[in-house]
Protein backbone atom coordinates (compact mmCIF):
# COMPACT_ATOMS: atom_id res chain seq x y z
CA MET A 1 20.31 -1.27 -20.98
CA ILE A 2 18.04 -0.49 -18.25
CA ILE A 3 17.34 3.47 -18.31
CA ARG A 4 16.42 5.23 -15.11
CA ALA A 5 13.31 7.66 -15.07
CA ASP A 6 13.08 9.85 -12.17
CA GLY A 7 9.25 11.52 -11.47
CA LEU A 8 6.35 9.44 -13.15
CA ASN A 9 6.71 8.04 -15.90
CA PHE A 10 3.41 7.75 -18.20
CA ILE A 11 2.72 6.31 -21.43
CA ALA A 12 0.14 6.00 -23.55
CA ASP A 13 0.00 4.23 -27.12
CA GLU A 14 -1.81 0.71 -28.72
CA ASP A 15 1.01 -1.26 -28.14
CA VAL A 16 3.52 -0.92 -25.02
CA ASP A 17 6.52 -2.52 -24.33
CA ASP A 18 8.65 -1.26 -21.92
CA THR A 19 11.88 -1.47 -19.80
CA LYS A 20 13.46 1.25 -17.50
CA GLU A 21 13.72 1.62 -13.90
CA VAL A 22 11.79 4.07 -12.57
CA VAL A 23 11.94 5.60 -8.97
CA GLY A 24 8.71 6.94 -8.40
CA SER A 25 5.53 5.82 -9.86
CA SER A 26 4.46 4.70 -13.68
CA VAL A 27 0.91 4.77 -15.29
CA ILE A 28 0.83 2.71 -18.14
CA PHE A 29 -2.06 2.35 -20.84
CA GLY A 30 -2.18 0.57 -24.04
CA ASN A 31 -3.75 -2.04 -26.07
CA ASN A 32 -1.23 -4.97 -25.81
CA VAL A 33 0.93 -4.03 -22.14
CA ASN A 34 4.07 -5.63 -20.68
CA SER A 35 6.40 -4.01 -18.06
CA ASN A 36 10.14 -5.17 -17.40
CA ASN A 37 10.30 -2.01 -15.30
CA ILE A 38 11.24 -1.99 -12.57
CA VAL A 39 9.36 0.47 -10.35
CA GLU A 40 10.11 2.06 -6.82
CA GLY A 41 6.75 3.26 -5.96
CA ILE A 42 3.21 3.13 -7.00
CA ASP A 43 3.17 0.98 -10.37
CA MET A 44 0.14 0.84 -12.47
CA MET A 45 -0.97 -1.11 -15.44
CA PHE A 46 -4.27 -0.24 -17.98
CA GLY A 47 -4.55 -2.41 -21.31
CA ASN A 48 -6.73 -5.67 -22.84
CA ASN A 49 -3.52 -8.02 -23.21
CA VAL A 50 -1.27 -6.71 -19.41
CA THR A 51 2.04 -8.82 -18.73
CA PHE A 52 4.00 -7.88 -15.33
CA ASN A 53 7.33 -8.63 -15.97
CA GLY A 54 8.93 -6.54 -13.62
CA LYS A 55 9.22 -5.58 -9.75
CA SER A 56 7.98 -2.66 -7.89
CA ASP A 57 7.38 -1.61 -4.08
CA TYR A 58 3.06 -1.62 -4.84
CA ALA A 59 0.97 -2.65 -7.85
CA PHE A 60 -2.01 -2.01 -9.97
CA LEU A 61 -2.76 -4.42 -12.74
CA PHE A 62 -6.65 -3.28 -14.51
CA GLY A 63 -6.59 -5.70 -18.00
CA ASN A 64 -9.09 -8.22 -19.97
CA ASN A 65 -6.25 -10.62 -19.54
CA VAL A 66 -3.78 -10.55 -16.64
CA ASN A 67 -0.47 -11.99 -16.25
CA VAL A 68 1.14 -11.27 -13.80
CA LYS A 69 5.55 -13.28 -13.40
CA GLY A 70 7.07 -10.51 -11.19
CA THR A 71 7.73 -9.70 -7.98
CA ILE A 72 5.36 -7.21 -5.91
CA ASN A 73 7.37 -5.65 -2.69
CA ASN A 74 4.47 -4.46 -0.98
CA ASP A 75 1.10 -4.81 -1.51
CA GLY A 76 -1.01 -5.61 -4.78
CA PHE A 77 -4.57 -4.81 -6.39
CA ILE A 78 -5.23 -6.56 -9.25
CA PHE A 79 -8.58 -6.00 -11.90
CA GLY A 80 -9.54 -7.93 -15.14
CA ASN A 81 -11.38 -11.15 -16.82
CA VAL A 82 -8.56 -13.93 -16.54
CA ILE A 83 -6.19 -13.55 -14.44
CA LYS A 84 -3.42 -15.30 -13.94
CA PHE A 85 0.23 -15.36 -11.44
CA ASP A 86 2.72 -17.32 -12.72
CA GLU A 87 4.95 -20.05 -9.91
CA ASN A 88 7.92 -17.18 -10.12
CA VAL A 89 5.83 -14.75 -8.66
CA ASN A 90 6.50 -13.73 -4.60
CA VAL A 91 3.80 -10.50 -3.12
CA ASP A 92 6.00 -9.83 0.09
CA ARG A 93 2.49 -8.24 1.91
CA ASP A 94 -0.87 -8.36 0.93
CA LEU A 95 -3.20 -9.02 -2.16
CA VAL A 96 -6.34 -8.88 -3.13
CA VAL A 97 -7.48 -9.70 -6.72
CA PHE A 98 -11.12 -9.68 -8.36
CA GLY A 99 -11.90 -11.21 -12.11
CA SER A 100 -13.30 -13.90 -13.34
CA ASP A 101 -10.57 -17.14 -13.80
CA VAL A 102 -8.25 -16.42 -11.28
CA THR A 103 -5.44 -18.58 -11.43
CA ILE A 104 -3.02 -18.14 -8.23
CA ASN A 105 0.43 -20.16 -9.16
CA GLY A 106 3.31 -18.52 -7.18
CA LYS A 107 4.70 -17.42 -3.45
CA ILE A 108 2.26 -14.78 -1.73
CA ASN A 109 3.82 -14.45 1.78
CA ARG A 110 1.06 -12.62 3.43
CA ASP A 111 -3.28 -12.23 3.13
CA ILE A 112 -4.88 -12.83 -0.03
CA THR A 113 -8.53 -11.05 -0.91
CA ILE A 114 -10.64 -12.91 -4.35
CA TYR A 115 -13.50 -12.46 -5.23
CA ALA A 116 -14.15 -13.83 -8.46
CA MET A 117 -16.20 -16.57 -10.77
CA ASN A 118 -13.08 -19.67 -11.20
CA VAL A 119 -10.18 -19.87 -8.24
CA SER A 120 -7.62 -22.38 -8.76
CA VAL A 121 -5.05 -22.20 -5.52
CA ASN A 122 -2.13 -23.70 -6.90
CA GLY A 123 1.06 -21.73 -5.34
CA GLU A 124 2.20 -21.08 -1.58
CA VAL A 125 0.27 -18.86 0.32
CA LEU A 126 2.55 -18.13 4.49
CA GLY A 127 -0.59 -15.97 4.90
CA ASN A 128 -5.15 -16.40 5.51
CA VAL A 129 -6.65 -16.84 1.82
CA ASN A 130 -10.51 -15.02 1.82
CA ILE A 131 -12.28 -16.65 -1.33
CA LYS A 132 -15.83 -14.69 -2.60
CA ALA A 133 -16.53 -17.76 -5.92
CA ASN A 134 -18.16 -20.17 -6.65
CA GLU A 135 -16.06 -22.52 -7.79
CA ILE A 136 -13.01 -23.19 -6.02
CA LYS A 137 -10.21 -25.90 -6.10
CA VAL A 138 -7.12 -25.50 -3.73
CA ASP A 139 -4.14 -27.69 -4.73
CA GLY A 140 -1.38 -25.85 -3.32
CA ASN A 141 -0.19 -24.65 0.36
CA VAL A 142 -2.29 -22.24 3.18
CA SER A 143 -0.28 -21.66 5.79
CA GLY A 144 -2.96 -19.88 7.52
CA THR A 145 -7.25 -20.06 6.98
CA LEU A 146 -8.71 -20.47 4.15
CA SER A 147 -11.67 -18.52 3.88
CA TYR A 148 -14.77 -19.87 1.04
CA ASN A 149 -18.68 -18.95 1.42
CA GLU A 150 -20.41 -21.69 1.97
CA ASP A 151 -21.97 -22.19 -1.68
CA ALA A 152 -19.28 -22.98 -3.36
CA ALA A 153 -17.91 -25.78 -4.97
CA ILE A 154 -14.95 -26.70 -3.29
CA SER A 155 -11.82 -29.14 -3.94
CA ILE A 156 -8.64 -29.33 -1.94
CA ASN A 157 -6.23 -31.46 -2.51
CA GLY A 158 -3.32 -29.44 -1.20
CA ASN A 159 -2.41 -28.71 2.23
CA VAL A 160 -4.24 -26.24 4.31
CA ASN A 161 -4.08 -25.30 7.97
CA GLU A 162 -7.92 -24.33 8.63
CA THR A 163 -10.71 -24.09 6.35
CA LYS A 164 -14.03 -21.71 7.17
CA THR A 165 -16.85 -21.34 5.74
CA THR A 166 -18.01 -17.81 5.43
CA GLU A 167 -22.41 -16.55 4.77
CA LYS A 168 -23.46 -17.58 1.32
CA LEU A 169 -22.51 -15.57 -1.54
CA THR A 170 -26.06 -16.06 -3.43
CA LYS A 171 -28.40 -14.88 -1.26
CA GLU A 172 -32.62 -15.32 -2.34
CA VAL A 173 -33.90 -13.20 -3.55
CA SER A 174 -37.53 -13.52 -5.47
CA PHE A 175 -38.77 -13.28 -9.07
CA GLN A 176 -40.53 -9.98 -7.89
CA ASP A 177 -38.38 -8.56 -5.69
CA LYS A 178 -36.03 -8.22 -8.64
CA ILE A 179 -37.41 -7.34 -11.45
CA TRP A 180 -38.97 -3.82 -8.90
CA ASN A 181 -35.64 -2.95 -8.48
CA PHE A 182 -34.50 -3.37 -12.02
CA ILE A 183 -37.58 -1.46 -12.52
CA VAL A 184 -36.44 1.19 -9.65
CA ASN A 185 -33.01 1.51 -10.62
CA TYR A 186 -34.24 2.01 -14.62
CA GLY A 187 -36.66 4.66 -13.54
CA GLY A 188 -34.66 6.05 -11.07
CA ASN A 189 -31.74 6.51 -13.87
CA LEU A 190 -34.05 7.89 -16.42
CA VAL A 191 -35.30 10.63 -14.05
CA ILE A 192 -32.07 11.75 -13.30
CA PHE A 193 -30.67 11.81 -17.50
CA LEU A 194 -33.66 13.92 -17.54
CA ALA A 195 -32.60 16.48 -15.08
CA PHE A 196 -29.48 16.77 -16.01
CA VAL A 197 -30.81 17.22 -19.50
CA LEU A 198 -33.02 20.03 -19.04
CA ILE A 199 -30.71 21.87 -16.70
CA VAL A 200 -26.96 21.17 -18.65
CA PRO A 201 -27.84 20.37 -21.77
CA GLN A 202 -24.85 21.72 -23.08
CA LEU A 203 -22.69 18.92 -21.06
CA PHE A 204 -24.11 14.99 -22.91
CA LYS A 205 -23.03 17.56 -26.63
CA ARG A 206 -19.58 18.73 -24.48
CA ILE A 207 -19.05 14.72 -24.38
CA GLN A 208 -20.19 13.70 -27.01
CA LYS A 209 -17.44 16.49 -28.39
CA LYS A 210 -14.84 15.14 -26.70
CA ASN A 211 -15.74 11.57 -27.55
CA GLU A 212 -15.70 11.91 -31.27
CA ASN A 213 -14.04 9.60 -32.76
CA ILE A 214 -13.23 7.31 -30.02
CA THR A 215 -10.90 4.64 -30.04
CA VAL A 216 -10.09 1.07 -28.09
CA LEU A 217 -7.47 2.81 -26.05
CA ASN A 218 -9.73 6.17 -25.51
CA ALA A 219 -12.25 4.38 -23.04
CA PHE A 220 -8.65 1.79 -21.83
CA SER A 221 -7.88 6.01 -21.45
CA LEU A 222 -11.46 7.28 -19.48
CA PHE A 223 -11.08 3.00 -17.68
CA GLY A 224 -7.45 3.77 -16.35
CA PHE A 225 -7.92 7.68 -14.71
CA GLY A 226 -11.71 6.76 -13.75
CA THR A 227 -9.62 4.20 -11.84
CA LEU A 228 -7.28 6.24 -10.65
CA SER A 229 -9.54 8.70 -9.05
CA ILE A 230 -11.71 5.75 -7.61
CA ILE A 231 -8.16 4.94 -5.67
CA LEU A 232 -6.04 8.63 -4.72
CA ILE A 233 -9.52 10.94 -3.78
CA PRO A 234 -9.69 8.74 -0.59
CA VAL A 235 -5.88 9.39 -0.08
CA ILE A 236 -6.24 12.49 -0.51
CA PHE A 237 -9.02 12.92 1.36
CA ILE A 238 -7.49 11.87 4.57
CA MET A 239 -4.68 14.15 3.30
CA LEU A 240 -6.51 17.31 3.60
CA LEU A 241 -8.49 15.12 7.33
CA THR A 242 -5.55 15.53 8.78
CA LEU A 243 -5.50 19.00 8.10
CA THR A 244 -7.27 20.80 10.50
CA PHE A 245 -7.49 23.82 8.44
CA CYS A 246 -8.74 21.82 5.49
CA LEU A 247 -11.74 20.34 7.37
CA PRO A 248 -14.79 22.04 5.41
CA LEU A 249 -12.20 21.19 1.90
CA SER A 250 -12.16 17.12 2.37
CA ILE A 251 -15.70 17.83 3.66
CA LEU A 252 -16.71 18.96 0.14
CA LEU A 253 -14.29 16.56 -1.85
CA LEU A 254 -16.24 13.67 0.12
CA ILE A 255 -19.76 14.68 -0.99
CA LEU A 256 -18.28 15.21 -4.52
CA TYR A 257 -16.63 11.89 -4.61
CA ILE A 258 -19.58 10.40 -4.05
CA LEU A 259 -21.77 12.22 -6.15
CA ALA A 260 -19.83 11.36 -8.74
CA ILE A 261 -19.46 7.72 -8.17
CA TRP A 262 -23.89 7.91 -7.90
CA LEU A 263 -23.74 9.95 -11.75
CA SER A 264 -20.95 7.80 -13.47
CA ASN A 265 -23.51 5.42 -14.50
CA ILE A 266 -25.65 8.01 -16.12
CA PHE A 267 -22.58 9.08 -17.93
CA THR A 268 -21.63 6.14 -19.36
CA SER A 269 -25.06 5.07 -20.87
CA TYR A 270 -24.89 8.53 -22.60
CA LEU A 271 -21.19 7.86 -24.41
CA LEU A 272 -22.32 4.15 -25.43
CA GLY A 273 -25.84 5.32 -26.44
CA ASN A 274 -24.05 7.86 -28.60
CA LEU A 275 -21.85 5.52 -29.69
CA ILE A 276 -24.59 2.94 -30.64
CA TRP A 277 -27.07 5.91 -32.57
CA LYS A 278 -23.35 6.73 -34.49
CA ASN A 279 -22.74 2.97 -35.93
CA PHE A 280 -26.44 1.32 -36.27
CA ILE A 281 -29.26 4.28 -36.34
CA LYS A 282 -27.45 6.65 -38.04
CA LYS A 283 -29.92 10.16 -37.50
CA ASP A 284 -29.54 13.59 -37.20
CA GLU A 285 -28.75 13.44 -33.39
CA ASN A 286 -32.22 12.98 -30.10
CA ILE A 287 -30.43 13.90 -26.48
CA TYR A 288 -33.07 11.92 -25.79
CA LEU A 289 -33.23 8.77 -27.56
CA ILE A 290 -29.74 8.40 -27.08
CA GLY A 291 -29.76 8.54 -23.62
CA LEU A 292 -33.11 6.25 -23.47
CA ILE A 293 -30.95 3.39 -25.08
CA GLY A 294 -27.21 4.03 -23.27
CA ILE A 295 -29.64 3.49 -20.18
CA SER A 296 -31.60 0.63 -21.47
CA VAL A 297 -28.48 -1.28 -22.00
CA ILE A 298 -26.10 -0.50 -18.78
CA SER A 299 -29.20 -1.59 -16.67
CA ILE A 300 -29.70 -5.19 -18.96
CA LEU A 301 -26.05 -5.28 -19.21
CA THR A 302 -25.70 -4.95 -15.30
CA ILE A 303 -28.43 -7.57 -14.46
CA ILE A 304 -26.99 -10.74 -15.95
CA PRO A 305 -26.37 -13.50 -13.80
CA TYR A 306 -22.76 -13.51 -12.53
CA ILE A 307 -20.66 -10.81 -14.92
CA GLY A 308 -23.62 -8.41 -14.13
CA THR A 309 -21.44 -7.16 -11.34
CA LEU A 310 -17.83 -6.76 -14.13
CA PHE A 311 -20.35 -4.36 -15.90
CA SER A 312 -20.72 -2.50 -13.13
CA VAL A 313 -17.98 -2.06 -11.73
CA ILE A 314 -16.60 -1.25 -15.33
CA SER A 315 -19.22 1.48 -16.41
CA VAL A 316 -18.74 3.19 -12.90
CA MET A 317 -14.95 3.42 -13.78
CA ILE A 318 -15.69 4.62 -17.08
CA GLY A 319 -18.50 7.27 -15.86
CA MET A 320 -15.43 8.22 -13.23
CA GLY A 321 -13.53 9.13 -15.94
CA ILE A 322 -15.59 11.28 -18.47
CA ILE A 323 -16.34 13.31 -15.57
CA LEU A 324 -12.30 13.93 -14.98
CA GLN A 325 -12.38 14.26 -19.39
CA GLN A 326 -14.74 17.14 -19.24
CA PHE A 327 -12.51 19.65 -16.68
CA LYS A 328 -9.55 19.02 -19.64
CA LYS A 329 -9.45 22.33 -22.04
CA ASP A 330 -10.90 21.49 -25.82
CA ASN A 331 -8.23 21.39 -27.99
């Protein structure tokens, strides 16, 4: 039996197995998320293991392991580590995928763009395929143009109408330049953090209080709401921009949006530093050392080859979630 839900279908739980007909949008958070929903609108799923079995107009899926088995009537945006499209998948319009290991089966009726380490295209793509990756295997059919970075290791055994190479994925950067960039970014984050501590020290105490007993679900919620804000704020900006009397408000929103993204790593770093301090150091809290630890760990994670970019994106999303969290009233 399919339950009908009008408006927003919102669920946050450790494990979610949902079956509904949603006239509106659906947002689901959890560790293990399985959705058989039919969504006449935007379908958003956030979790560790995400399985999309349903049908939606637009799909935004975020997780460590993402399995796509359903139908997307329009466009899809998929972000994860291991992403797999089942052979029964059907996407009617465009698809954008960010991941580490990406396997595309099924049928994509228009264009697909993929940013990943390893990509396998085994299905049928009726439009163009644009790939940025280290290793690429194409055993399926591409009716349009297959574009890929010229330094990729590529194997084409399927039918491809046309191929085109783009610029190299990795540009040559000297070791000295890498060290200098790290020092500048690391030092800049420390200076910004110290400025915030001196100007608004209560802000970090508030972050500690709100995340005193943080769980995996809470972390996914921060990531989810941060991602939602990254997507929706530009949409709101464009809508306000069309209204003459809202022009000043739209410009202010854009400035705050850019500022929030710029500062998001600081808040993620502090949250991580606080977790490390509470679980391993277990001494009287020192706001300066907590910030130093968090910024150091995040800075090191983001320079790891190949996966550093993924850590950077996750840090920004969680940081945006932390910023939004501060506007929520305390219980």
